PDB file of N, CA and C in Angstrom:
ATOM      1  N   UNK A   1     -65.342 140.745  66.560  1.00  0.00           N
ATOM      2  CA  UNK A   1     -65.340 139.307  66.698  1.00  0.00           C
ATOM      3  C   UNK A   1     -64.040 138.891  67.385  1.00  0.00           C
ATOM      4  N   UNK A   2     -64.171 138.066  68.411  1.00  0.00           N
ATOM      5  CA  UNK A   2     -63.017 137.560  69.143  1.00  0.00           C
ATOM      6  C   UNK A   2     -63.079 136.032  69.098  1.00  0.00           C
ATOM      7  N   UNK A   3     -61.946 135.428  68.768  1.00  0.00           N
ATOM      8  CA  UNK A   3     -61.941 133.965  68.703  1.00  0.00           C
ATOM      9  C   UNK A   3     -61.078 133.382  69.809  1.00  0.00           C
ATOM     10  N   UNK A   4     -61.448 132.178  70.196  1.00  0.00           N
ATOM     11  CA  UNK A   4     -60.720 131.428  71.214  1.00  0.00           C
ATOM     12  C   UNK A   4     -60.655 129.980  70.764  1.00  0.00           C
ATOM     13  N   UNK A   5     -59.643 129.292  71.243  1.00  0.00           N
ATOM     14  CA  UNK A   5     -59.483 127.874  70.926  1.00  0.00           C
ATOM     15  C   UNK A   5     -59.642 127.076  72.213  1.00  0.00           C
ATOM     16  N   UNK A   6     -60.399 125.989  72.158  1.00  0.00           N
ATOM     17  CA  UNK A   6     -60.564 125.126  73.324  1.00  0.00           C
ATOM     18  C   UNK A   6     -59.271 124.331  73.500  1.00  0.00           C
ATOM     19  N   UNK A   7     -58.623 124.535  74.646  1.00  0.00           N
ATOM     20  CA  UNK A   7     -57.340 123.893  74.928  1.00  0.00           C
ATOM     21  C   UNK A   7     -57.503 122.604  75.721  1.00  0.00           C
ATOM     22  N   UNK A   8     -58.494 122.576  76.623  1.00  0.00           N
ATOM     23  CA  UNK A   8     -58.757 121.362  77.398  1.00  0.00           C
ATOM     24  C   UNK A   8     -60.170 121.399  77.948  1.00  0.00           C
ATOM     25  N   UNK A   9     -60.681 120.210  78.232  1.00  0.00           N
ATOM     26  CA  UNK A   9     -61.996 120.053  78.848  1.00  0.00           C
ATOM     27  C   UNK A   9     -61.764 119.226  80.105  1.00  0.00           C
ATOM     28  N   UNK A  10     -61.956 119.863  81.250  1.00  0.00           N
ATOM     29  CA  UNK A  10     -61.709 119.192  82.524  1.00  0.00           C
ATOM     30  C   UNK A  10     -62.556 117.944  82.686  1.00  0.00           C
ATOM     31  N   UNK A  11     -62.070 116.971  83.465  1.00  0.00           N
ATOM     32  CA  UNK A  11     -62.799 115.717  83.645  1.00  0.00           C
ATOM     33  C   UNK A  11     -64.187 115.897  84.265  1.00  0.00           C
ATOM     34  N   UNK A  12     -64.372 116.974  85.030  1.00  0.00           N
ATOM     35  CA  UNK A  12     -65.674 117.251  85.651  1.00  0.00           C
ATOM     36  C   UNK A  12     -66.333 118.499  85.066  1.00  0.00           C
ATOM     37  N   UNK A  13     -65.946 118.880  83.845  1.00  0.00           N
ATOM     38  CA  UNK A  13     -66.437 120.127  83.252  1.00  0.00           C
ATOM     39  C   UNK A  13     -67.804 119.994  82.596  1.00  0.00           C
ATOM     40  N   UNK A  14     -68.137 118.828  82.102  1.00  0.00           N
ATOM     41  CA  UNK A  14     -69.365 118.673  81.327  1.00  0.00           C
ATOM     42  C   UNK A  14     -70.466 118.057  82.186  1.00  0.00           C
ATOM     43  N   UNK A  15     -71.553 118.811  82.323  1.00  0.00           N
ATOM     44  CA  UNK A  15     -72.753 118.312  82.987  1.00  0.00           C
ATOM     45  C   UNK A  15     -73.937 118.749  82.146  1.00  0.00           C
ATOM     46  N   UNK A  16     -74.284 117.940  81.153  1.00  0.00           N
ATOM     47  CA  UNK A  16     -75.399 118.290  80.274  1.00  0.00           C
ATOM     48  C   UNK A  16     -76.696 118.439  81.059  1.00  0.00           C
ATOM     49  N   UNK A  17     -76.807 117.723  82.171  1.00  0.00           N
ATOM     50  CA  UNK A  17     -77.995 117.807  83.022  1.00  0.00           C
ATOM     51  C   UNK A  17     -78.201 119.229  83.527  1.00  0.00           C
ATOM     52  N   UNK A  18     -77.097 119.912  83.879  1.00  0.00           N
ATOM     53  CA  UNK A  18     -77.188 121.285  84.376  1.00  0.00           C
ATOM     54  C   UNK A  18     -77.243 122.311  83.249  1.00  0.00           C
ATOM     55  N   UNK A  19     -76.961 121.891  82.025  1.00  0.00           N
ATOM     56  CA  UNK A  19     -77.006 122.753  80.836  1.00  0.00           C
ATOM     57  C   UNK A  19     -76.144 124.006  80.993  1.00  0.00           C
ATOM     58  N   UNK A  20     -74.937 123.824  81.540  1.00  0.00           N
ATOM     59  CA  UNK A  20     -74.018 124.956  81.668  1.00  0.00           C
ATOM     60  C   UNK A  20     -72.587 124.498  81.470  1.00  0.00           C
ATOM     61  N   UNK A  21     -71.755 125.446  81.094  1.00  0.00           N
ATOM     62  CA  UNK A  21     -70.327 125.194  80.914  1.00  0.00           C
ATOM     63  C   UNK A  21     -69.562 126.378  81.493  1.00  0.00           C
ATOM     64  N   UNK A  22     -68.551 126.085  82.293  1.00  0.00           N
ATOM     65  CA  UNK A  22     -67.718 127.116  82.909  1.00  0.00           C
ATOM     66  C   UNK A  22     -66.440 127.228  82.090  1.00  0.00           C
ATOM     67  N   UNK A  23     -66.111 128.446  81.683  1.00  0.00           N
ATOM     68  CA  UNK A  23     -64.916 128.688  80.884  1.00  0.00           C
ATOM     69  C   UNK A  23     -63.927 129.559  81.641  1.00  0.00           C
ATOM     70  N   UNK A  24     -62.640 129.253  81.473  1.00  0.00           N
ATOM     71  CA  UNK A  24     -61.535 130.065  81.981  1.00  0.00           C
ATOM     72  C   UNK A  24     -60.437 130.061  80.933  1.00  0.00           C
ATOM     73  N   UNK A  25     -59.504 131.012  81.064  1.00  0.00           N
ATOM     74  CA  UNK A  25     -58.337 130.977  80.184  1.00  0.00           C
ATOM     75  C   UNK A  25     -57.256 130.101  80.824  1.00  0.00           C
ATOM     76  N   UNK A  26     -56.101 130.083  80.222  1.00  0.00           N
ATOM     77  CA  UNK A  26     -55.039 129.175  80.639  1.00  0.00           C
ATOM     78  C   UNK A  26     -54.395 129.525  81.979  1.00  0.00           C
ATOM     79  N   UNK A  27     -54.774 130.648  82.582  1.00  0.00           N
ATOM     80  CA  UNK A  27     -54.240 131.016  83.890  1.00  0.00           C
ATOM     81  C   UNK A  27     -55.009 130.353  85.033  1.00  0.00           C
ATOM     82  N   UNK A  28     -56.024 129.562  84.727  1.00  0.00           N
ATOM     83  CA  UNK A  28     -56.843 128.911  85.758  1.00  0.00           C
ATOM     84  C   UNK A  28     -55.980 127.989  86.629  1.00  0.00           C
ATOM     85  N   UNK A  29     -56.374 127.878  87.885  1.00  0.00           N
ATOM     86  CA  UNK A  29     -55.679 126.990  88.811  1.00  0.00           C
ATOM     87  C   UNK A  29     -55.969 125.529  88.431  1.00  0.00           C
ATOM     88  N   UNK A  30     -55.152 124.593  88.898  1.00  0.00           N
ATOM     89  CA  UNK A  30     -55.416 123.174  88.612  1.00  0.00           C
ATOM     90  C   UNK A  30     -56.819 122.719  89.041  1.00  0.00           C
ATOM     91  N   UNK A  31     -57.300 123.194  90.196  1.00  0.00           N
ATOM     92  CA  UNK A  31     -58.647 122.826  90.642  1.00  0.00           C
ATOM     93  C   UNK A  31     -59.709 123.331  89.673  1.00  0.00           C
ATOM     94  N   UNK A  32     -59.563 124.561  89.189  1.00  0.00           N
ATOM     95  CA  UNK A  32     -60.519 125.101  88.215  1.00  0.00           C
ATOM     96  C   UNK A  32     -60.440 124.355  86.888  1.00  0.00           C
ATOM     97  N   UNK A  33     -59.236 123.956  86.508  1.00  0.00           N
ATOM     98  CA  UNK A  33     -59.077 123.223  85.243  1.00  0.00           C
ATOM     99  C   UNK A  33     -59.823 121.893  85.259  1.00  0.00           C
ATOM    100  N   UNK A  34     -60.046 121.325  86.433  1.00  0.00           N
ATOM    101  CA  UNK A  34     -60.803 120.076  86.540  1.00  0.00           C
ATOM    102  C   UNK A  34     -62.281 120.253  86.221  1.00  0.00           C
ATOM    103  N   UNK A  35     -62.821 121.444  86.518  1.00  0.00           N
ATOM    104  CA  UNK A  35     -64.261 121.665  86.354  1.00  0.00           C
ATOM    105  C   UNK A  35     -64.590 122.621  85.214  1.00  0.00           C
ATOM    106  N   UNK A  36     -63.585 123.018  84.450  1.00  0.00           N
ATOM    107  CA  UNK A  36     -63.801 124.055  83.437  1.00  0.00           C
ATOM    108  C   UNK A  36     -63.324 123.626  82.054  1.00  0.00           C
ATOM    109  N   UNK A  37     -63.792 124.378  81.090  1.00  0.00           N
ATOM    110  CA  UNK A  37     -63.289 124.299  79.726  1.00  0.00           C
ATOM    111  C   UNK A  37     -62.271 125.435  79.609  1.00  0.00           C
ATOM    112  N   UNK A  38     -61.056 125.090  79.239  1.00  0.00           N
ATOM    113  CA  UNK A  38     -59.986 126.086  79.160  1.00  0.00           C
ATOM    114  C   UNK A  38     -59.874 126.569  77.722  1.00  0.00           C
ATOM    115  N   UNK A  39     -59.897 127.898  77.576  1.00  0.00           N
ATOM    116  CA  UNK A  39     -59.832 128.508  76.255  1.00  0.00           C
ATOM    117  C   UNK A  39     -58.625 129.432  76.157  1.00  0.00           C
ATOM    118  N   UNK A  40     -58.017 129.443  74.982  1.00  0.00           N
ATOM    119  CA  UNK A  40     -56.940 130.396  74.679  1.00  0.00           C
ATOM    120  C   UNK A  40     -57.556 131.448  73.775  1.00  0.00           C
ATOM    121  N   UNK A  41     -57.666 132.654  74.286  1.00  0.00           N
ATOM    122  CA  UNK A  41     -58.308 133.742  73.554  1.00  0.00           C
ATOM    123  C   UNK A  41     -57.260 134.479  72.744  1.00  0.00           C
ATOM    124  N   UNK A  42     -57.507 134.612  71.439  1.00  0.00           N
ATOM    125  CA  UNK A  42     -56.578 135.329  70.556  1.00  0.00           C
ATOM    126  C   UNK A  42     -56.410 136.767  71.024  1.00  0.00           C
ATOM    127  N   UNK A  43     -55.171 137.157  71.242  1.00  0.00           N
ATOM    128  CA  UNK A  43     -54.839 138.548  71.568  1.00  0.00           C
ATOM    129  C   UNK A  43     -55.742 139.107  72.673  1.00  0.00           C
ATOM    130  N   UNK A  44     -55.923 138.324  73.733  1.00  0.00           N
ATOM    131  CA  UNK A  44     -56.871 138.632  74.807  1.00  0.00           C
ATOM    132  C   UNK A  44     -56.681 140.019  75.418  1.00  0.00           C
ATOM    133  N   UNK A  45     -55.454 140.432  75.610  1.00  0.00           N
ATOM    134  CA  UNK A  45     -55.226 141.704  76.314  1.00  0.00           C
ATOM    135  C   UNK A  45     -55.431 142.933  75.429  1.00  0.00           C
ATOM    136  N   UNK A  46     -55.499 142.730  74.116  1.00  0.00           N
ATOM    137  CA  UNK A  46     -55.622 143.874  73.216  1.00  0.00           C
ATOM    138  C   UNK A  46     -56.997 144.022  72.573  1.00  0.00           C
ATOM    139  N   UNK A  47     -57.844 143.006  72.718  1.00  0.00           N
ATOM    140  CA  UNK A  47     -59.196 143.102  72.186  1.00  0.00           C
ATOM    141  C   UNK A  47     -60.156 143.342  73.345  1.00  0.00           C
ATOM    142  N   UNK A  48     -61.201 144.089  73.100  1.00  0.00           N
ATOM    143  CA  UNK A  48     -62.145 144.419  74.159  1.00  0.00           C
ATOM    144  C   UNK A  48     -63.436 143.634  73.960  1.00  0.00           C
ATOM    145  N   UNK A  49     -63.813 142.875  74.986  1.00  0.00           N
ATOM    146  CA  UNK A  49     -65.083 142.164  74.939  1.00  0.00           C
ATOM    147  C   UNK A  49     -66.220 143.161  75.145  1.00  0.00           C
ATOM    148  N   UNK A  50     -67.239 143.068  74.308  1.00  0.00           N
ATOM    149  CA  UNK A  50     -68.414 143.932  74.417  1.00  0.00           C
ATOM    150  C   UNK A  50     -69.658 143.121  74.057  1.00  0.00           C
ATOM    151  N   UNK A  51     -69.774 141.950  74.672  1.00  0.00           N
ATOM    152  CA  UNK A  51     -70.915 141.085  74.383  1.00  0.00           C
ATOM    153  C   UNK A  51     -72.184 141.710  74.943  1.00  0.00           C
ATOM    154  N   UNK A  52     -73.289 141.503  74.231  1.00  0.00           N
ATOM    155  CA  UNK A  52     -74.571 142.037  74.690  1.00  0.00           C
ATOM    156  C   UNK A  52     -75.700 141.185  74.136  1.00  0.00           C
ATOM    157  N   UNK A  53     -76.878 141.392  74.705  1.00  0.00           N
ATOM    158  CA  UNK A  53     -78.068 140.686  74.252  1.00  0.00           C
ATOM    159  C   UNK A  53     -78.232 140.909  72.750  1.00  0.00           C
ATOM    160  N   UNK A  54     -78.551 139.840  72.032  1.00  0.00           N
ATOM    161  CA  UNK A  54     -78.713 139.922  70.580  1.00  0.00           C
ATOM    162  C   UNK A  54     -77.464 139.540  69.821  1.00  0.00           C
ATOM    163  N   UNK A  55     -76.321 139.475  70.520  1.00  0.00           N
ATOM    164  CA  UNK A  55     -75.082 139.045  69.883  1.00  0.00           C
ATOM    165  C   UNK A  55     -75.101 137.541  69.673  1.00  0.00           C
ATOM    166  N   UNK A  56     -73.989 137.015  69.207  1.00  0.00           N
ATOM    167  CA  UNK A  56     -73.916 135.582  68.922  1.00  0.00           C
ATOM    168  C   UNK A  56     -72.591 135.004  69.427  1.00  0.00           C
ATOM    169  N   UNK A  57     -72.638 133.707  69.710  1.00  0.00           N
ATOM    170  CA  UNK A  57     -71.443 132.931  70.038  1.00  0.00           C
ATOM    171  C   UNK A  57     -71.515 131.657  69.212  1.00  0.00           C
ATOM    172  N   UNK A  58     -70.419 131.336  68.533  1.00  0.00           N
ATOM    173  CA  UNK A  58     -70.354 130.084  67.778  1.00  0.00           C
ATOM    174  C   UNK A  58     -69.398 129.149  68.498  1.00  0.00           C
ATOM    175  N   UNK A  59     -69.876 127.945  68.767  1.00  0.00           N
ATOM    176  CA  UNK A  59     -69.061 126.905  69.394  1.00  0.00           C
ATOM    177  C   UNK A  59     -68.965 125.782  68.380  1.00  0.00           C
ATOM    178  N   UNK A  60     -67.763 125.586  67.845  1.00  0.00           N
ATOM    179  CA  UNK A  60     -67.623 124.628  66.749  1.00  0.00           C
ATOM    180  C   UNK A  60     -68.430 125.114  65.571  1.00  0.00           C
ATOM    181  N   UNK A  61     -69.407 124.323  65.131  1.00  0.00           N
ATOM    182  CA  UNK A  61     -70.241 124.699  63.982  1.00  0.00           C
ATOM    183  C   UNK A  61     -71.613 125.218  64.389  1.00  0.00           C
ATOM    184  N   UNK A  62     -71.910 125.221  65.686  1.00  0.00           N
ATOM    185  CA  UNK A  62     -73.230 125.636  66.157  1.00  0.00           C
ATOM    186  C   UNK A  62     -73.202 127.085  66.621  1.00  0.00           C
ATOM    187  N   UNK A  63     -74.164 127.866  66.121  1.00  0.00           N
ATOM    188  CA  UNK A  63     -74.263 129.276  66.478  1.00  0.00           C
ATOM    189  C   UNK A  63     -75.399 129.474  67.478  1.00  0.00           C
ATOM    190  N   UNK A  64     -75.120 130.264  68.504  1.00  0.00           N
ATOM    191  CA  UNK A  64     -76.082 130.541  69.564  1.00  0.00           C
ATOM    192  C   UNK A  64     -76.361 132.035  69.632  1.00  0.00           C
ATOM    193  N   UNK A  65     -77.584 132.379  69.973  1.00  0.00           N
ATOM    194  CA  UNK A  65     -77.962 133.780  70.189  1.00  0.00           C
ATOM    195  C   UNK A  65     -77.833 134.095  71.668  1.00  0.00           C
ATOM    196  N   UNK A  66     -77.303 135.261  71.970  1.00  0.00           N
ATOM    197  CA  UNK A  66     -77.158 135.709  73.359  1.00  0.00           C
ATOM    198  C   UNK A  66     -78.467 136.347  73.810  1.00  0.00           C
ATOM    199  N   UNK A  67     -79.044 135.810  74.902  1.00  0.00           N
ATOM    200  CA  UNK A  67     -80.290 136.347  75.449  1.00  0.00           C
ATOM    201  C   UNK A  67     -80.066 137.215  76.685  1.00  0.00           C
ATOM    202  N   UNK A  68     -78.900 137.048  77.326  1.00  0.00           N
ATOM    203  CA  UNK A  68     -78.571 137.835  78.511  1.00  0.00           C
ATOM    204  C   UNK A  68     -77.075 137.760  78.737  1.00  0.00           C
ATOM    205  N   UNK A  69     -76.487 138.898  79.098  1.00  0.00           N
ATOM    206  CA  UNK A  69     -75.071 138.968  79.469  1.00  0.00           C
ATOM    207  C   UNK A  69     -75.004 139.610  80.848  1.00  0.00           C
ATOM    208  N   UNK A  70     -74.508 138.864  81.828  1.00  0.00           N
ATOM    209  CA  UNK A  70     -74.380 139.400  83.181  1.00  0.00           C
ATOM    210  C   UNK A  70     -73.395 140.563  83.243  1.00  0.00           C
ATOM    211  N   UNK A  71     -73.547 141.388  84.256  1.00  0.00           N
ATOM    212  CA  UNK A  71     -72.744 142.607  84.376  1.00  0.00           C
ATOM    213  C   UNK A  71     -71.252 142.338  84.563  1.00  0.00           C
ATOM    214  N   UNK A  72     -70.870 141.128  84.991  1.00  0.00           N
ATOM    215  CA  UNK A  72     -69.459 140.810  85.217  1.00  0.00           C
ATOM    216  C   UNK A  72     -68.785 140.146  84.014  1.00  0.00           C
ATOM    217  N   UNK A  73     -69.569 139.729  83.037  1.00  0.00           N
ATOM    218  CA  UNK A  73     -69.069 138.879  81.956  1.00  0.00           C
ATOM    219  C   UNK A  73     -67.945 139.512  81.144  1.00  0.00           C
ATOM    220  N   UNK A  74     -68.151 140.673  80.573  1.00  0.00           N
ATOM    221  CA  UNK A  74     -67.153 141.253  79.665  1.00  0.00           C
ATOM    222  C   UNK A  74     -65.823 141.489  80.372  1.00  0.00           C
ATOM    223  N   UNK A  75     -65.855 142.000  81.584  1.00  0.00           N
ATOM    224  CA  UNK A  75     -64.621 142.232  82.328  1.00  0.00           C
ATOM    225  C   UNK A  75     -63.941 140.914  82.699  1.00  0.00           C
ATOM    226  N   UNK A  76     -64.722 139.930  83.156  1.00  0.00           N
ATOM    227  CA  UNK A  76     -64.145 138.627  83.510  1.00  0.00           C
ATOM    228  C   UNK A  76     -63.506 137.949  82.305  1.00  0.00           C
ATOM    229  N   UNK A  77     -64.159 138.009  81.147  1.00  0.00           N
ATOM    230  CA  UNK A  77     -63.577 137.429  79.939  1.00  0.00           C
ATOM    231  C   UNK A  77     -62.270 138.130  79.585  1.00  0.00           C
ATOM    232  N   UNK A  78     -62.265 139.443  79.721  1.00  0.00           N
ATOM    233  CA  UNK A  78     -61.084 140.229  79.392  1.00  0.00           C
ATOM    234  C   UNK A  78     -59.905 139.878  80.305  1.00  0.00           C
ATOM    235  N   UNK A  79     -60.190 139.738  81.594  1.00  0.00           N
ATOM    236  CA  UNK A  79     -59.120 139.579  82.579  1.00  0.00           C
ATOM    237  C   UNK A  79     -58.649 138.124  82.743  1.00  0.00           C
ATOM    238  N   UNK A  80     -59.602 137.181  82.822  1.00  0.00           N
ATOM    239  CA  UNK A  80     -59.228 135.788  83.128  1.00  0.00           C
ATOM    240  C   UNK A  80     -59.921 134.778  82.210  1.00  0.00           C
ATOM    241  N   UNK A  81     -60.519 135.267  81.134  1.00  0.00           N
ATOM    242  CA  UNK A  81     -61.169 134.369  80.182  1.00  0.00           C
ATOM    243  C   UNK A  81     -62.325 133.602  80.780  1.00  0.00           C
ATOM    244  N   UNK A  82     -62.986 134.179  81.790  1.00  0.00           N
ATOM    245  CA  UNK A  82     -64.024 133.449  82.525  1.00  0.00           C
ATOM    246  C   UNK A  82     -65.438 133.917  82.203  1.00  0.00           C
ATOM    247  N   UNK A  83     -66.304 132.950  82.003  1.00  0.00           N
ATOM    248  CA  UNK A  83     -67.749 133.139  82.005  1.00  0.00           C
ATOM    249  C   UNK A  83     -68.388 131.779  82.194  1.00  0.00           C
ATOM    250  N   UNK A  84     -69.668 131.788  82.459  1.00  0.00           N
ATOM    251  CA  UNK A  84     -70.454 130.563  82.479  1.00  0.00           C
ATOM    252  C   UNK A  84     -71.445 130.657  81.339  1.00  0.00           C
ATOM    253  N   UNK A  85     -71.446 129.676  80.463  1.00  0.00           N
ATOM    254  CA  UNK A  85     -72.410 129.621  79.371  1.00  0.00           C
ATOM    255  C   UNK A  85     -73.591 128.792  79.850  1.00  0.00           C
ATOM    256  N   UNK A  86     -74.773 129.384  79.818  1.00  0.00           N
ATOM    257  CA  UNK A  86     -75.993 128.716  80.272  1.00  0.00           C
ATOM    258  C   UNK A  86     -76.869 128.442  79.052  1.00  0.00           C
ATOM    259  N   UNK A  87     -77.179 127.183  78.818  1.00  0.00           N
ATOM    260  CA  UNK A  87     -77.984 126.769  77.675  1.00  0.00           C
ATOM    261  C   UNK A  87     -79.408 126.489  78.140  1.00  0.00           C
ATOM    262  N   UNK A  88     -80.037 127.523  78.704  1.00  0.00           N
ATOM    263  CA  UNK A  88     -81.398 127.422  79.231  1.00  0.00           C
ATOM    264  C   UNK A  88     -82.004 128.820  79.266  1.00  0.00           C
ATOM    265  N   UNK A  89     -83.327 128.905  79.465  1.00  0.00           N
ATOM    266  CA  UNK A  89     -83.958 130.231  79.513  1.00  0.00           C
ATOM    267  C   UNK A  89     -83.390 131.095  80.637  1.00  0.00           C
ATOM    268  N   UNK A  90     -83.450 132.397  80.431  1.00  0.00           N
ATOM    269  CA  UNK A  90     -82.970 133.349  81.438  1.00  0.00           C
ATOM    270  C   UNK A  90     -83.915 133.289  82.643  1.00  0.00           C
ATOM    271  N   UNK A  91     -83.380 132.987  83.833  1.00  0.00           N
ATOM    272  CA  UNK A  91     -84.236 132.923  85.025  1.00  0.00           C
ATOM    273  C   UNK A  91     -84.590 134.311  85.547  1.00  0.00           C
ATOM    274  N   UNK A  92     -85.450 134.335  86.538  1.00  0.00           N
ATOM    275  CA  UNK A  92     -85.855 135.602  87.151  1.00  0.00           C
ATOM    276  C   UNK A  92     -84.653 136.341  87.741  1.00  0.00           C
ATOM    277  N   UNK A  93     -83.708 135.584  88.334  1.00  0.00           N
ATOM    278  CA  UNK A  93     -82.491 136.178  88.893  1.00  0.00           C
ATOM    279  C   UNK A  93     -81.285 135.524  88.212  1.00  0.00           C
ATOM    280  N   UNK A  94     -80.886 136.041  87.046  1.00  0.00           N
ATOM    281  CA  UNK A  94     -79.765 135.424  86.322  1.00  0.00           C
ATOM    282  C   UNK A  94     -78.426 135.676  87.016  1.00  0.00           C
ATOM    283  N   UNK A  95     -77.470 134.792  86.767  1.00  0.00           N
ATOM    284  CA  UNK A  95     -76.114 134.956  87.296  1.00  0.00           C
ATOM    285  C   UNK A  95     -75.435 136.120  86.594  1.00  0.00           C
ATOM    286  N   UNK A  96     -74.771 136.964  87.336  1.00  0.00           N
ATOM    287  CA  UNK A  96     -74.104 138.127  86.752  1.00  0.00           C
ATOM    288  C   UNK A  96     -72.795 137.757  86.054  1.00  0.00           C
ATOM    289  N   UNK A  97     -72.344 136.518  86.229  1.00  0.00           N
ATOM    290  CA  UNK A  97     -71.130 136.064  85.549  1.00  0.00           C
ATOM    291  C   UNK A  97     -71.461 135.129  84.385  1.00  0.00           C
ATOM    292  N   UNK A  98     -72.735 135.114  83.967  1.00  0.00           N
ATOM    293  CA  UNK A  98     -73.172 134.143  82.961  1.00  0.00           C
ATOM    294  C   UNK A  98     -73.692 134.809  81.685  1.00  0.00           C
ATOM    295  N   UNK A  99     -73.627 134.004  80.618  1.00  0.00           N
ATOM    296  CA  UNK A  99     -74.249 134.338  79.340  1.00  0.00           C
ATOM    297  C   UNK A  99     -75.309 133.266  79.092  1.00  0.00           C
ATOM    298  N   UNK A 100     -76.551 133.681  78.854  1.00  0.00           N
ATOM    299  CA  UNK A 100     -77.652 132.748  78.577  1.00  0.00           C
ATOM    300  C   UNK A 100     -77.869 132.709  77.068  1.00  0.00           C
ATOM    301  N   UNK A 101     -77.920 131.481  76.532  1.00  0.00           N
ATOM    302  CA  UNK A 101     -77.910 131.279  75.084  1.00  0.00           C
ATOM    303  C   UNK A 101     -79.088 130.433  74.602  1.00  0.00           C
ATOM    304  N   UNK A 102     -79.517 130.694  73.364  1.00  0.00           N
ATOM    305  CA  UNK A 102     -80.443 129.805  72.661  1.00  0.00           C
ATOM    306  C   UNK A 102     -79.827 129.482  71.311  1.00  0.00           C
ATOM    307  N   UNK A 103     -80.065 128.308  70.750  1.00  0.00           N
ATOM    308  CA  UNK A 103     -81.013 127.315  71.259  1.00  0.00           C
ATOM    309  C   UNK A 103     -80.497 126.685  72.556  1.00  0.00           C
ATOM    310  N   UNK A 104     -81.436 126.137  73.324  1.00  0.00           N
ATOM    311  CA  UNK A 104     -81.104 125.504  74.606  1.00  0.00           C
ATOM    312  C   UNK A 104     -80.596 124.088  74.372  1.00  0.00           C
ATOM    313  N   UNK A 105     -79.610 123.992  73.503  1.00  0.00           N
ATOM    314  CA  UNK A 105     -79.016 122.705  73.118  1.00  0.00           C
ATOM    315  C   UNK A 105     -77.546 122.728  73.523  1.00  0.00           C
ATOM    316  N   UNK A 106     -77.168 121.789  74.389  1.00  0.00           N
ATOM    317  CA  UNK A 106     -75.798 121.750  74.893  1.00  0.00           C
ATOM    318  C   UNK A 106     -74.852 121.283  73.783  1.00  0.00           C
ATOM    319  N   UNK A 107     -73.784 122.036  73.525  1.00  0.00           N
ATOM    320  CA  UNK A 107     -72.865 121.669  72.444  1.00  0.00           C
ATOM    321  C   UNK A 107     -71.840 120.616  72.869  1.00  0.00           C
ATOM    322  N   UNK A 108     -71.159 120.095  71.883  1.00  0.00           N
ATOM    323  CA  UNK A 108     -69.991 119.260  72.143  1.00  0.00           C
ATOM    324  C   UNK A 108     -68.805 120.223  72.264  1.00  0.00           C
ATOM    325  N   UNK A 109     -68.071 120.138  73.329  1.00  0.00           N
ATOM    326  CA  UNK A 109     -66.863 120.940  73.490  1.00  0.00           C
ATOM    327  C   UNK A 109     -65.683 120.034  73.179  1.00  0.00           C
ATOM    328  N   UNK A 110     -64.982 120.311  72.085  1.00  0.00           N
ATOM    329  CA  UNK A 110     -63.877 119.468  71.658  1.00  0.00           C
ATOM    330  C   UNK A 110     -62.579 120.273  71.650  1.00  0.00           C
ATOM    331  N   UNK A 111     -61.526 119.670  72.179  1.00  0.00           N
ATOM    332  CA  UNK A 111     -60.213 120.308  72.172  1.00  0.00           C
ATOM    333  C   UNK A 111     -59.845 120.628  70.726  1.00  0.00           C
ATOM    334  N   UNK A 112     -59.377 121.858  70.516  1.00  0.00           N
ATOM    335  CA  UNK A 112     -58.968 122.305  69.187  1.00  0.00           C
ATOM    336  C   UNK A 112     -60.052 123.082  68.458  1.00  0.00           C
ATOM    337  N   UNK A 113     -61.310 122.955  68.882  1.00  0.00           N
ATOM    338  CA  UNK A 113     -62.381 123.706  68.237  1.00  0.00           C
ATOM    339  C   UNK A 113     -62.345 125.168  68.665  1.00  0.00           C
ATOM    340  N   UNK A 114     -62.980 125.998  67.851  1.00  0.00           N
ATOM    341  CA  UNK A 114     -63.042 127.431  68.144  1.00  0.00           C
ATOM    342  C   UNK A 114     -64.326 127.819  68.823  1.00  0.00           C
ATOM    343  N   UNK A 115     -64.207 128.843  69.643  1.00  0.00           N
ATOM    344  CA  UNK A 115     -65.357 129.567  70.181  1.00  0.00           C
ATOM    345  C   UNK A 115     -65.219 130.980  69.622  1.00  0.00           C
ATOM    346  N   UNK A 116     -66.230 131.429  68.905  1.00  0.00           N
ATOM    347  CA  UNK A 116     -66.208 132.768  68.314  1.00  0.00           C
ATOM    348  C   UNK A 116     -67.222 133.640  69.033  1.00  0.00           C
ATOM    349  N   UNK A 117     -66.771 134.730  69.596  1.00  0.00           N
ATOM    350  CA  UNK A 117     -67.622 135.707  70.281  1.00  0.00           C
ATOM    351  C   UNK A 117     -67.920 136.836  69.309  1.00  0.00           C
ATOM    352  N   UNK A 118     -69.209 137.017  68.953  1.00  0.00           N
ATOM    353  CA  UNK A 118     -69.590 138.031  67.965  1.00  0.00           C
ATOM    354  C   UNK A 118     -70.508 139.082  68.564  1.00  0.00           C
TER     355      UNK A 118
END
């Protein structure tokens, strides 16, 4: 289990219509910080991400099941805290940098809340 804290939510980060959220760690550029949710991952360099289908992610109090993990996700999370959370069914050609989650309910991303990767 790896935990992260939401540090900021960019002014253009939330688009419930698109049902996705882009995450980066605190090393993101100012332009990325405008469109992303910035997370501080506990002990990021010493813990190994190994997310896979069937795992879970908790955002605040809501728990989501992982339906797909793109081939780039674990390495991107490890290196720059980046992934795209998709709150919709897995498409025929899923993004390799994305995690697809159910329920397909977009969460509230609040500064100070935790994201738990299980």
